[in-house]
Amino acid sequence: MRNTARWAATLGLTATAVCAPLAGPALAAPSAPTSLYAPSALVLTMGHGESAALVSPARAVTLNCAPSASGTHPAPALACAELRAAGGDLDALAGPTDTVCTKQYAPVVITVDGVWQGKRVSYERTFANECVKNASGSSVFAF
């Protein structure tokens, strides 16, 4: 009878040691989402040249818009407000302005990669020169 009791105790302790870690987190209900906002996080780069494939970025900034504006962009709150007003359409940001620029051709490429309200974003735009880029009227591209 002593062997049976010792064997049962050993088996019980072994089962507890093996199965206890599985009973906790593995059987727990899935956790609630950490945020009620769809992610909006972008990386913007600027380089001198005609295409992003042919240039190295001269500057890069981050822009996070949900739940609040942040990042290394110089004006994250204003940039996020402009993106929200445009519905995330980066082509709609550049509007005509009264700024007069020279016709010098020194192309500047802006790229935007990341996520806007949960949707993947990959954008590239080439401006004729830095003056034209700055004259686009959008603070999103002003970095």
N, C-alpha and C. Protein backbone atom coordinates (compact mmCIF):
# COMPACT_ATOMS: atom_id res chain seq x y z
N MET A 1 0.81 -1.18 0.00
CA MET A 1 0.00 0.00 0.00
C MET A 1 0.87 1.26 0.00
N ARG A 2 2.07 1.16 0.64
CA ARG A 2 2.95 2.32 0.68
C ARG A 2 3.41 2.69 -0.71
N ASN A 3 3.74 1.72 -1.56
CA ASN A 3 4.18 1.99 -2.92
C ASN A 3 3.08 2.64 -3.74
N THR A 4 1.85 2.21 -3.56
CA THR A 4 0.73 2.78 -4.29
C THR A 4 0.52 4.23 -3.90
N ALA A 5 0.61 4.54 -2.63
CA ALA A 5 0.42 5.92 -2.16
C ALA A 5 1.56 6.81 -2.68
N ARG A 6 2.80 6.32 -2.64
CA ARG A 6 3.94 7.09 -3.13
C ARG A 6 3.82 7.30 -4.64
N TRP A 7 3.42 6.25 -5.35
CA TRP A 7 3.25 6.35 -6.79
C TRP A 7 2.14 7.34 -7.15
N ALA A 8 1.03 7.34 -6.44
CA ALA A 8 -0.09 8.26 -6.69
C ALA A 8 0.32 9.70 -6.40
N ALA A 9 1.09 9.91 -5.32
CA ALA A 9 1.55 11.27 -4.98
C ALA A 9 2.51 11.78 -6.05
N THR A 10 3.42 10.93 -6.51
CA THR A 10 4.38 11.33 -7.54
C THR A 10 3.65 11.65 -8.84
N LEU A 11 2.70 10.84 -9.21
CA LEU A 11 1.93 11.06 -10.43
C LEU A 11 1.13 12.35 -10.33
N GLY A 12 0.53 12.62 -9.17
CA GLY A 12 -0.25 13.85 -8.97
C GLY A 12 0.62 15.09 -9.06
N LEU A 13 1.82 15.06 -8.44
CA LEU A 13 2.73 16.20 -8.49
C LEU A 13 3.26 16.42 -9.92
N THR A 14 3.54 15.34 -10.62
CA THR A 14 4.03 15.46 -11.99
C THR A 14 2.94 16.05 -12.88
N ALA A 15 1.73 15.59 -12.74
CA ALA A 15 0.62 16.11 -13.55
C ALA A 15 0.40 17.59 -13.25
N THR A 16 0.50 17.98 -12.00
CA THR A 16 0.33 19.38 -11.63
C THR A 16 1.45 20.24 -12.23
N ALA A 17 2.68 19.74 -12.17
CA ALA A 17 3.81 20.51 -12.69
C ALA A 17 3.73 20.67 -14.21
N VAL A 18 3.25 19.64 -14.90
CA VAL A 18 3.18 19.70 -16.36
C VAL A 18 1.95 20.47 -16.83
N CYS A 19 0.82 20.26 -16.21
CA CYS A 19 -0.44 20.84 -16.69
C CYS A 19 -0.78 22.21 -16.12
N ALA A 20 -0.21 22.59 -15.00
CA ALA A 20 -0.54 23.87 -14.39
C ALA A 20 -0.24 25.06 -15.30
N PRO A 21 0.93 25.10 -15.96
CA PRO A 21 1.18 26.24 -16.85
C PRO A 21 0.18 26.31 -18.02
N LEU A 22 -0.35 25.18 -18.42
CA LEU A 22 -1.30 25.17 -19.53
C LEU A 22 -2.68 25.63 -19.11
N ALA A 23 -3.01 25.53 -17.87
CA ALA A 23 -4.34 25.87 -17.41
C ALA A 23 -4.54 27.37 -17.28
N GLY A 24 -3.48 28.16 -17.09
CA GLY A 24 -3.63 29.60 -16.87
C GLY A 24 -3.91 30.36 -18.15
N PRO A 25 -2.90 30.93 -18.77
CA PRO A 25 -3.10 31.79 -19.92
C PRO A 25 -3.68 31.08 -21.14
N ALA A 26 -3.38 29.81 -21.31
CA ALA A 26 -3.84 29.12 -22.50
C ALA A 26 -5.35 28.98 -22.53
N LEU A 27 -5.97 28.85 -21.37
CA LEU A 27 -7.42 28.67 -21.31
C LEU A 27 -8.14 29.98 -21.04
N ALA A 28 -7.41 31.04 -20.81
CA ALA A 28 -8.04 32.32 -20.52
C ALA A 28 -8.69 32.87 -21.78
N ALA A 29 -9.70 33.72 -21.59
CA ALA A 29 -10.39 34.36 -22.71
C ALA A 29 -9.43 35.33 -23.41
N PRO A 30 -9.60 35.55 -24.70
CA PRO A 30 -8.73 36.49 -25.39
C PRO A 30 -8.87 37.88 -24.77
N SER A 31 -7.75 38.61 -24.74
CA SER A 31 -7.77 39.92 -24.09
C SER A 31 -8.47 40.94 -24.98
N ALA A 32 -8.95 41.99 -24.35
CA ALA A 32 -9.63 43.07 -25.06
C ALA A 32 -8.62 43.86 -25.88
N PRO A 33 -9.06 44.52 -26.94
CA PRO A 33 -8.11 45.32 -27.73
C PRO A 33 -7.49 46.40 -26.86
N THR A 34 -6.24 46.75 -27.15
CA THR A 34 -5.54 47.73 -26.33
C THR A 34 -5.95 49.16 -26.67
N SER A 35 -6.62 49.37 -27.81
CA SER A 35 -7.01 50.71 -28.19
C SER A 35 -8.32 50.66 -28.98
N LEU A 36 -9.11 51.70 -28.85
CA LEU A 36 -10.35 51.79 -29.60
C LEU A 36 -10.14 52.48 -30.94
N TYR A 37 -8.93 52.93 -31.21
CA TYR A 37 -8.62 53.65 -32.43
C TYR A 37 -7.88 52.74 -33.40
N ALA A 38 -8.21 52.87 -34.68
CA ALA A 38 -7.44 52.17 -35.70
C ALA A 38 -6.06 52.82 -35.77
N PRO A 39 -5.01 52.05 -35.95
CA PRO A 39 -3.67 52.64 -35.96
C PRO A 39 -3.46 53.59 -37.13
N SER A 40 -2.78 54.68 -36.85
CA SER A 40 -2.39 55.66 -37.87
C SER A 40 -0.96 56.08 -37.56
N ALA A 41 -0.02 55.42 -38.17
CA ALA A 41 1.40 55.69 -37.95
C ALA A 41 2.11 55.69 -39.31
N LEU A 42 2.79 56.79 -39.61
CA LEU A 42 3.42 56.95 -40.90
C LEU A 42 4.89 57.32 -40.76
N VAL A 43 5.69 56.90 -41.73
CA VAL A 43 7.08 57.33 -41.85
C VAL A 43 7.18 58.11 -43.15
N LEU A 44 7.61 59.36 -43.05
CA LEU A 44 7.74 60.23 -44.22
C LEU A 44 9.22 60.47 -44.49
N THR A 45 9.62 60.34 -45.75
CA THR A 45 11.02 60.60 -46.11
C THR A 45 11.07 61.61 -47.24
N MET A 46 12.20 62.30 -47.33
CA MET A 46 12.43 63.28 -48.39
C MET A 46 13.83 63.05 -48.92
N GLY A 47 13.95 63.02 -50.25
CA GLY A 47 15.25 62.85 -50.88
C GLY A 47 15.34 63.68 -52.15
N HIS A 48 16.54 63.95 -52.59
CA HIS A 48 16.76 64.74 -53.79
C HIS A 48 16.99 63.81 -54.97
N GLY A 49 16.07 63.84 -55.92
CA GLY A 49 16.16 63.00 -57.10
C GLY A 49 14.79 62.81 -57.71
N GLU A 50 14.71 62.01 -58.76
CA GLU A 50 13.46 61.85 -59.49
C GLU A 50 12.59 60.71 -59.01
N SER A 51 13.16 59.75 -58.30
CA SER A 51 12.41 58.58 -57.88
C SER A 51 12.96 58.07 -56.56
N ALA A 52 12.07 57.57 -55.73
CA ALA A 52 12.50 57.04 -54.43
C ALA A 52 13.44 55.85 -54.59
N ALA A 53 13.31 55.13 -55.69
CA ALA A 53 14.17 53.97 -55.93
C ALA A 53 15.60 54.39 -56.25
N LEU A 54 15.77 55.64 -56.69
CA LEU A 54 17.09 56.09 -57.12
C LEU A 54 17.79 57.01 -56.13
N VAL A 55 17.13 57.40 -55.05
CA VAL A 55 17.71 58.36 -54.10
C VAL A 55 17.78 57.77 -52.71
N SER A 56 18.67 58.34 -51.92
CA SER A 56 18.73 58.01 -50.50
C SER A 56 17.99 59.11 -49.74
N PRO A 57 17.24 58.74 -48.73
CA PRO A 57 16.52 59.76 -47.98
C PRO A 57 17.47 60.76 -47.32
N ALA A 58 17.19 62.05 -47.48
CA ALA A 58 17.96 63.09 -46.83
C ALA A 58 17.39 63.38 -45.44
N ARG A 59 16.09 63.23 -45.29
CA ARG A 59 15.40 63.42 -44.01
C ARG A 59 14.30 62.40 -43.88
N ALA A 60 13.98 62.08 -42.64
CA ALA A 60 12.87 61.17 -42.36
C ALA A 60 12.24 61.57 -41.03
N VAL A 61 10.92 61.49 -40.97
CA VAL A 61 10.19 61.79 -39.74
C VAL A 61 9.09 60.75 -39.55
N THR A 62 8.61 60.65 -38.32
CA THR A 62 7.48 59.78 -38.01
C THR A 62 6.29 60.64 -37.67
N LEU A 63 5.10 60.13 -37.94
CA LEU A 63 3.86 60.83 -37.64
C LEU A 63 2.84 59.82 -37.16
N ASN A 64 2.43 59.94 -35.90
CA ASN A 64 1.41 59.08 -35.32
C ASN A 64 0.18 59.95 -35.05
N CYS A 65 -0.97 59.51 -35.53
CA CYS A 65 -2.18 60.33 -35.41
C CYS A 65 -3.27 59.72 -34.54
N ALA A 66 -3.12 58.51 -34.06
CA ALA A 66 -4.15 57.93 -33.21
C ALA A 66 -3.50 57.24 -32.02
N PRO A 67 -3.96 57.49 -30.85
CA PRO A 67 -5.12 58.30 -30.45
C PRO A 67 -4.82 59.79 -30.39
N SER A 68 -3.57 60.18 -30.33
CA SER A 68 -3.24 61.61 -30.34
C SER A 68 -2.05 61.83 -31.26
N ALA A 69 -1.87 63.07 -31.69
CA ALA A 69 -0.79 63.40 -32.61
C ALA A 69 0.55 63.39 -31.90
N SER A 70 1.52 62.71 -32.50
CA SER A 70 2.87 62.66 -31.93
C SER A 70 3.84 62.25 -33.03
N GLY A 71 5.09 62.14 -32.68
CA GLY A 71 6.10 61.72 -33.62
C GLY A 71 7.19 62.76 -33.74
N THR A 72 8.12 62.54 -34.66
CA THR A 72 9.23 63.47 -34.85
C THR A 72 8.91 64.53 -35.90
N HIS A 73 7.74 64.49 -36.48
CA HIS A 73 7.31 65.52 -37.44
C HIS A 73 7.28 66.86 -36.71
N PRO A 74 7.73 67.97 -37.36
CA PRO A 74 7.78 69.26 -36.68
C PRO A 74 6.42 69.80 -36.25
N ALA A 75 5.34 69.44 -36.92
CA ALA A 75 3.99 69.91 -36.55
C ALA A 75 3.01 68.74 -36.62
N PRO A 76 3.11 67.79 -35.69
CA PRO A 76 2.26 66.59 -35.80
C PRO A 76 0.77 66.87 -35.68
N ALA A 77 0.35 67.78 -34.82
CA ALA A 77 -1.07 68.04 -34.66
C ALA A 77 -1.68 68.63 -35.93
N LEU A 78 -0.99 69.59 -36.52
CA LEU A 78 -1.47 70.21 -37.75
C LEU A 78 -1.47 69.22 -38.91
N ALA A 79 -0.41 68.42 -39.02
CA ALA A 79 -0.32 67.42 -40.09
C ALA A 79 -1.43 66.38 -39.96
N CYS A 80 -1.70 65.93 -38.75
CA CYS A 80 -2.77 64.94 -38.54
C CYS A 80 -4.14 65.54 -38.85
N ALA A 81 -4.34 66.80 -38.48
CA ALA A 81 -5.61 67.47 -38.77
C ALA A 81 -5.82 67.58 -40.28
N GLU A 82 -4.76 67.91 -41.02
CA GLU A 82 -4.87 68.00 -42.48
C GLU A 82 -5.16 66.64 -43.10
N LEU A 83 -4.51 65.60 -42.61
CA LEU A 83 -4.77 64.25 -43.13
C LEU A 83 -6.20 63.81 -42.84
N ARG A 84 -6.70 64.10 -41.65
CA ARG A 84 -8.09 63.74 -41.33
C ARG A 84 -9.06 64.50 -42.24
N ALA A 85 -8.80 65.80 -42.45
CA ALA A 85 -9.68 66.61 -43.30
C ALA A 85 -9.68 66.10 -44.74
N ALA A 86 -8.56 65.55 -45.19
CA ALA A 86 -8.47 65.01 -46.55
C ALA A 86 -8.90 63.55 -46.62
N GLY A 87 -9.32 62.99 -45.52
CA GLY A 87 -9.73 61.59 -45.50
C GLY A 87 -8.58 60.64 -45.74
N GLY A 88 -7.35 61.09 -45.43
CA GLY A 88 -6.16 60.26 -45.63
C GLY A 88 -5.65 60.26 -47.06
N ASP A 89 -6.29 61.02 -47.95
CA ASP A 89 -5.88 61.08 -49.35
C ASP A 89 -4.70 62.04 -49.48
N LEU A 90 -3.51 61.51 -49.65
CA LEU A 90 -2.31 62.34 -49.72
C LEU A 90 -2.27 63.19 -50.99
N ASP A 91 -2.89 62.74 -52.06
CA ASP A 91 -2.95 63.55 -53.29
C ASP A 91 -3.81 64.79 -53.10
N ALA A 92 -4.78 64.73 -52.23
CA ALA A 92 -5.68 65.87 -52.00
C ALA A 92 -5.04 66.95 -51.14
N LEU A 93 -3.89 66.66 -50.53
CA LEU A 93 -3.26 67.63 -49.64
C LEU A 93 -2.64 68.80 -50.38
N ALA A 94 -2.04 68.55 -51.49
CA ALA A 94 -1.31 69.60 -52.21
C ALA A 94 -2.28 70.43 -53.03
N GLY A 95 -2.54 71.63 -52.57
CA GLY A 95 -3.44 72.53 -53.28
C GLY A 95 -2.67 73.69 -53.86
N PRO A 96 -3.26 74.40 -54.79
CA PRO A 96 -2.58 75.54 -55.39
C PRO A 96 -2.42 76.68 -54.38
N THR A 97 -1.29 77.35 -54.45
CA THR A 97 -1.03 78.51 -53.59
C THR A 97 -0.54 79.65 -54.46
N ASP A 98 -0.39 80.81 -53.86
CA ASP A 98 0.07 81.99 -54.60
C ASP A 98 1.58 82.12 -54.59
N THR A 99 2.28 81.13 -54.08
CA THR A 99 3.74 81.19 -54.03
C THR A 99 4.32 81.08 -55.43
N VAL A 100 5.30 81.91 -55.71
CA VAL A 100 5.97 81.89 -57.00
C VAL A 100 7.32 81.21 -56.82
N CYS A 101 7.58 80.18 -57.60
CA CYS A 101 8.84 79.45 -57.53
C CYS A 101 9.58 79.56 -58.85
N THR A 102 10.89 79.41 -58.78
CA THR A 102 11.69 79.40 -60.00
C THR A 102 11.42 78.12 -60.77
N LYS A 103 11.80 78.11 -62.02
CA LYS A 103 11.58 76.92 -62.85
C LYS A 103 12.80 76.00 -62.85
N GLN A 104 13.64 76.19 -61.85
CA GLN A 104 14.81 75.33 -61.70
C GLN A 104 14.35 73.90 -61.45
N TYR A 105 14.95 72.95 -62.15
CA TYR A 105 14.58 71.55 -61.96
C TYR A 105 15.61 70.88 -61.05
N ALA A 106 15.23 70.69 -59.82
CA ALA A 106 16.04 69.98 -58.82
C ALA A 106 15.05 69.11 -58.04
N PRO A 107 14.66 67.97 -58.62
CA PRO A 107 13.55 67.19 -58.07
C PRO A 107 13.74 66.76 -56.62
N VAL A 108 12.62 66.77 -55.92
CA VAL A 108 12.55 66.35 -54.52
C VAL A 108 11.46 65.28 -54.44
N VAL A 109 11.81 64.14 -53.86
CA VAL A 109 10.86 63.02 -53.74
C VAL A 109 10.42 62.89 -52.29
N ILE A 110 9.11 62.81 -52.09
CA ILE A 110 8.52 62.56 -50.78
C ILE A 110 7.91 61.16 -50.81
N THR A 111 8.20 60.35 -49.81
CA THR A 111 7.54 59.05 -49.67
C THR A 111 6.84 59.00 -48.33
N VAL A 112 5.73 58.30 -48.31
CA VAL A 112 4.96 58.08 -47.08
C VAL A 112 4.64 56.60 -47.03
N ASP A 113 5.06 55.94 -45.97
CA ASP A 113 4.78 54.51 -45.78
C ASP A 113 4.27 54.29 -44.37
N GLY A 114 3.33 53.38 -44.22
CA GLY A 114 2.81 53.05 -42.90
C GLY A 114 1.37 52.63 -42.96
N VAL A 115 0.63 53.07 -41.94
CA VAL A 115 -0.78 52.68 -41.79
C VAL A 115 -1.58 53.94 -41.49
N TRP A 116 -2.68 54.14 -42.22
CA TRP A 116 -3.60 55.25 -41.94
C TRP A 116 -4.97 54.65 -41.64
N GLN A 117 -5.44 54.83 -40.43
CA GLN A 117 -6.71 54.32 -39.94
C GLN A 117 -6.88 52.84 -40.28
N GLY A 118 -5.83 52.08 -40.01
CA GLY A 118 -5.85 50.63 -40.18
C GLY A 118 -5.58 50.13 -41.58
N LYS A 119 -5.39 51.02 -42.55
CA LYS A 119 -5.14 50.61 -43.94
C LYS A 119 -3.70 50.94 -44.32
N ARG A 120 -3.08 50.02 -45.03
CA ARG A 120 -1.68 50.18 -45.46
C ARG A 120 -1.57 51.33 -46.44
N VAL A 121 -0.53 52.16 -46.27
CA VAL A 121 -0.29 53.32 -47.13
C VAL A 121 1.13 53.22 -47.70
N SER A 122 1.24 53.45 -49.01
CA SER A 122 2.53 53.56 -49.66
C SER A 122 2.36 54.62 -50.74
N TYR A 123 3.05 55.73 -50.57
CA TYR A 123 2.84 56.91 -51.43
C TYR A 123 4.18 57.50 -51.82
N GLU A 124 4.26 57.97 -53.06
CA GLU A 124 5.47 58.64 -53.54
C GLU A 124 5.04 59.81 -54.42
N ARG A 125 5.68 60.95 -54.21
CA ARG A 125 5.39 62.12 -55.04
C ARG A 125 6.68 62.88 -55.31
N THR A 126 6.87 63.28 -56.55
CA THR A 126 8.06 64.05 -56.94
C THR A 126 7.65 65.48 -57.23
N PHE A 127 8.32 66.42 -56.58
CA PHE A 127 8.11 67.84 -56.80
C PHE A 127 9.27 68.35 -57.66
N ALA A 128 9.04 69.38 -58.45
CA ALA A 128 10.07 69.91 -59.35
C ALA A 128 11.27 70.45 -58.58
N ASN A 129 11.03 71.06 -57.44
CA ASN A 129 12.12 71.54 -56.58
C ASN A 129 11.57 71.75 -55.17
N GLU A 130 12.42 72.12 -54.25
CA GLU A 130 12.00 72.25 -52.86
C GLU A 130 11.00 73.38 -52.67
N CYS A 131 11.12 74.45 -53.44
CA CYS A 131 10.16 75.56 -53.35
C CYS A 131 8.76 75.08 -53.71
N VAL A 132 8.64 74.27 -54.75
CA VAL A 132 7.34 73.75 -55.16
C VAL A 132 6.78 72.83 -54.07
N LYS A 133 7.64 72.03 -53.47
CA LYS A 133 7.20 71.16 -52.36
C LYS A 133 6.67 72.00 -51.21
N ASN A 134 7.40 73.03 -50.84
CA ASN A 134 6.98 73.87 -49.72
C ASN A 134 5.75 74.69 -50.06
N ALA A 135 5.56 75.00 -51.35
CA ALA A 135 4.41 75.79 -51.78
C ALA A 135 3.13 74.96 -51.91
N SER A 136 3.24 73.65 -51.68
CA SER A 136 2.06 72.80 -51.83
C SER A 136 0.98 73.15 -50.83
N GLY A 137 1.32 73.91 -49.80
CA GLY A 137 0.31 74.35 -48.84
C GLY A 137 0.00 73.33 -47.76
N SER A 138 0.70 72.23 -47.71
CA SER A 138 0.43 71.18 -46.73
C SER A 138 1.56 71.12 -45.72
N SER A 139 1.18 71.10 -44.45
CA SER A 139 2.20 70.96 -43.41
C SER A 139 2.67 69.51 -43.29
N VAL A 140 1.94 68.58 -43.90
CA VAL A 140 2.35 67.17 -43.85
C VAL A 140 3.71 67.01 -44.52
N PHE A 141 3.94 67.71 -45.64
CA PHE A 141 5.18 67.58 -46.38
C PHE A 141 6.24 68.57 -45.92
N ALA A 142 5.95 69.40 -44.93
CA ALA A 142 6.90 70.42 -44.45
C ALA A 142 7.73 69.87 -43.30
N PHE A 143 8.79 69.19 -43.65
CA PHE A 143 9.71 68.67 -42.63
C PHE A 143 11.12 68.71 -43.15
